[in-house]
Amino acid sequence: VGLYQSGETEDYLVTFKLKQLNPNGISEVGDLGNIGVYPNPTSGRVYVGLTAQDKTNLRIQTLSITGAVLDEKQFNAVHGSFVTELDLAAYAKGSYFIKILSDKGDYIRRVVVE
C-alpha cells in the first residue's frame, strides 16, 4: 500500500432536477395534458379525455396487444378540453392499447376489457 499524499482538490457543483411523475403514467406529452382513459377496466365503452394547449390534430387508435391497429378516429383542430367515446364492446376480453397521436407527440395507455 502506498503513501497518502494530499494535493490539489477540485470543487464540483452537482445539480439534480426532480421531476414528479403522475402515478397513472405520463401526465403531459407535447402540448397535451390531463390525459385520461376511463373507466379501466371496462365492459365496453371507454372515454378518452385530454386538454390541448394549442390547436392540434389528433388520431386515436385502438391497438391489439401485438400492436395491430383495430380502429382509428381522427379529429382536426382540437383545442381546450376534449372527450371522445370509444366502443370496445365487440372486442374479446383482454388487454388493448389506446394510442393518442398528435402533432407534438404520442401517448399510449393500456385498457382492459372484461
Protein backbone atom coordinates (compact mmCIF):
# COMPACT_ATOMS: atom_id res chain seq x y z
CA VAL A 1 0.00 0.00 0.00
CA GLY A 2 1.33 3.43 -0.90
CA LEU A 3 1.69 6.65 1.00
CA TYR A 4 -1.19 9.07 1.04
CA GLN A 5 -0.25 12.48 -0.31
CA SER A 6 -2.59 15.39 -0.25
CA GLY A 7 -2.74 17.54 -3.30
CA GLU A 8 -4.84 19.99 -5.12
CA THR A 9 -8.58 19.33 -4.98
CA GLU A 10 -11.32 20.40 -7.32
CA ASP A 11 -14.72 21.77 -6.33
CA TYR A 12 -17.71 20.37 -8.19
CA LEU A 13 -21.30 21.52 -8.22
CA VAL A 14 -23.82 18.76 -8.81
CA THR A 15 -27.35 19.76 -9.71
CA PHE A 16 -30.31 17.35 -9.55
CA LYS A 17 -33.60 18.06 -11.24
CA LEU A 18 -36.63 16.41 -9.68
CA LYS A 19 -39.50 15.58 -11.98
CA GLN A 20 -42.62 14.29 -10.29
CA LEU A 21 -44.48 11.66 -12.28
CA ASN A 22 -48.18 11.04 -12.34
CA PRO A 23 -48.82 7.62 -10.73
CA ASN A 24 -51.01 6.67 -13.72
CA GLY A 25 -48.28 7.40 -16.23
CA ILE A 26 -47.10 10.49 -18.03
CA SER A 27 -49.43 13.40 -17.44
CA GLU A 28 -48.26 15.60 -20.30
CA VAL A 29 -46.96 14.83 -23.75
CA GLY A 30 -46.04 17.67 -26.09
CA ASP A 31 -48.92 20.13 -25.96
CA LEU A 32 -51.37 17.65 -24.42
CA GLY A 33 -52.19 17.47 -20.72
CA ASN A 34 -54.57 15.75 -18.29
CA ILE A 35 -54.75 12.67 -20.49
CA GLY A 36 -57.11 10.00 -19.18
CA VAL A 37 -58.70 6.77 -20.41
CA TYR A 38 -61.60 5.69 -18.20
CA PRO A 39 -63.21 3.54 -16.89
CA ASN A 40 -60.46 0.98 -16.76
CA PRO A 41 -61.19 -1.91 -16.70
CA THR A 42 -64.27 -1.62 -18.91
CA SER A 43 -67.05 -3.85 -20.15
CA GLY A 44 -67.41 -1.89 -23.38
CA ARG A 45 -67.27 1.87 -23.62
CA VAL A 46 -64.26 3.95 -22.61
CA TYR A 47 -63.76 7.69 -22.70
CA VAL A 48 -60.55 9.38 -23.77
CA GLY A 49 -60.17 12.83 -22.28
CA LEU A 50 -57.39 15.39 -22.57
CA THR A 51 -56.57 19.07 -22.68
CA ALA A 52 -54.85 20.55 -25.73
CA GLN A 53 -52.98 23.80 -25.07
CA ASP A 54 -52.75 24.69 -28.76
CA LYS A 55 -54.82 23.63 -31.76
CA THR A 56 -53.66 20.16 -32.72
CA ASN A 57 -54.74 17.31 -34.96
CA LEU A 58 -55.36 14.02 -33.16
CA ARG A 59 -55.60 10.40 -34.16
CA ILE A 60 -56.83 7.94 -31.56
CA GLN A 61 -56.09 4.31 -32.31
CA THR A 62 -57.24 1.12 -30.62
CA LEU A 63 -54.43 -1.43 -30.80
CA SER A 64 -54.30 -5.14 -30.07
CA ILE A 65 -51.72 -6.41 -27.60
CA THR A 66 -49.48 -7.19 -30.61
CA GLY A 67 -49.77 -3.62 -31.91
CA ALA A 68 -52.20 -4.22 -34.79
CA VAL A 69 -54.49 -1.22 -35.41
CA LEU A 70 -58.09 -2.34 -34.77
CA ASP A 71 -59.78 1.06 -35.04
CA GLU A 72 -58.82 4.68 -35.63
CA LYS A 73 -60.59 8.01 -35.20
CA GLN A 74 -59.29 11.34 -36.45
CA PHE A 75 -60.01 14.80 -35.03
CA ASN A 76 -58.85 18.11 -36.53
CA ALA A 77 -58.01 21.37 -34.75
CA VAL A 78 -58.66 20.12 -31.22
CA HIS A 79 -58.17 22.87 -28.61
CA GLY A 80 -59.01 23.04 -24.91
CA SER A 81 -60.88 20.25 -23.14
CA PHE A 82 -61.68 17.25 -25.32
CA VAL A 83 -63.51 13.96 -24.64
CA THR A 84 -64.45 11.20 -27.05
CA GLU A 85 -66.04 7.80 -26.59
CA LEU A 86 -64.63 4.51 -27.87
CA ASP A 87 -66.78 1.38 -28.04
CA LEU A 88 -64.75 -1.73 -27.19
CA ALA A 89 -67.79 -3.99 -26.57
CA ALA A 90 -67.17 -6.00 -29.76
CA TYR A 91 -63.63 -6.93 -28.69
CA ALA A 92 -62.79 -10.13 -26.82
CA LYS A 93 -61.87 -9.91 -23.15
CA GLY A 94 -58.24 -8.95 -22.67
CA SER A 95 -55.77 -6.09 -22.84
CA TYR A 96 -55.69 -3.44 -25.54
CA PHE A 97 -53.79 -0.20 -26.08
CA ILE A 98 -55.24 3.24 -26.76
CA LYS A 99 -52.71 5.31 -28.68
CA ILE A 100 -53.14 9.07 -29.00
CA LEU A 101 -51.08 10.63 -31.78
CA SER A 102 -50.82 14.41 -32.02
CA ASP A 103 -48.76 16.92 -33.98
CA LYS A 104 -46.39 17.29 -31.00
CA GLY A 105 -46.15 13.80 -29.51
CA ASP A 106 -47.72 10.43 -28.85
CA TYR A 107 -49.25 8.81 -25.78
CA ILE A 108 -50.13 5.17 -25.17
CA ARG A 109 -52.34 3.71 -22.45
CA ARG A 110 -53.34 0.11 -21.70
CA VAL A 111 -57.02 -0.68 -21.14
CA VAL A 112 -58.58 -3.98 -20.02
CA VAL A 113 -61.85 -5.28 -21.47
CA GLU A 114 -63.72 -7.55 -19.05
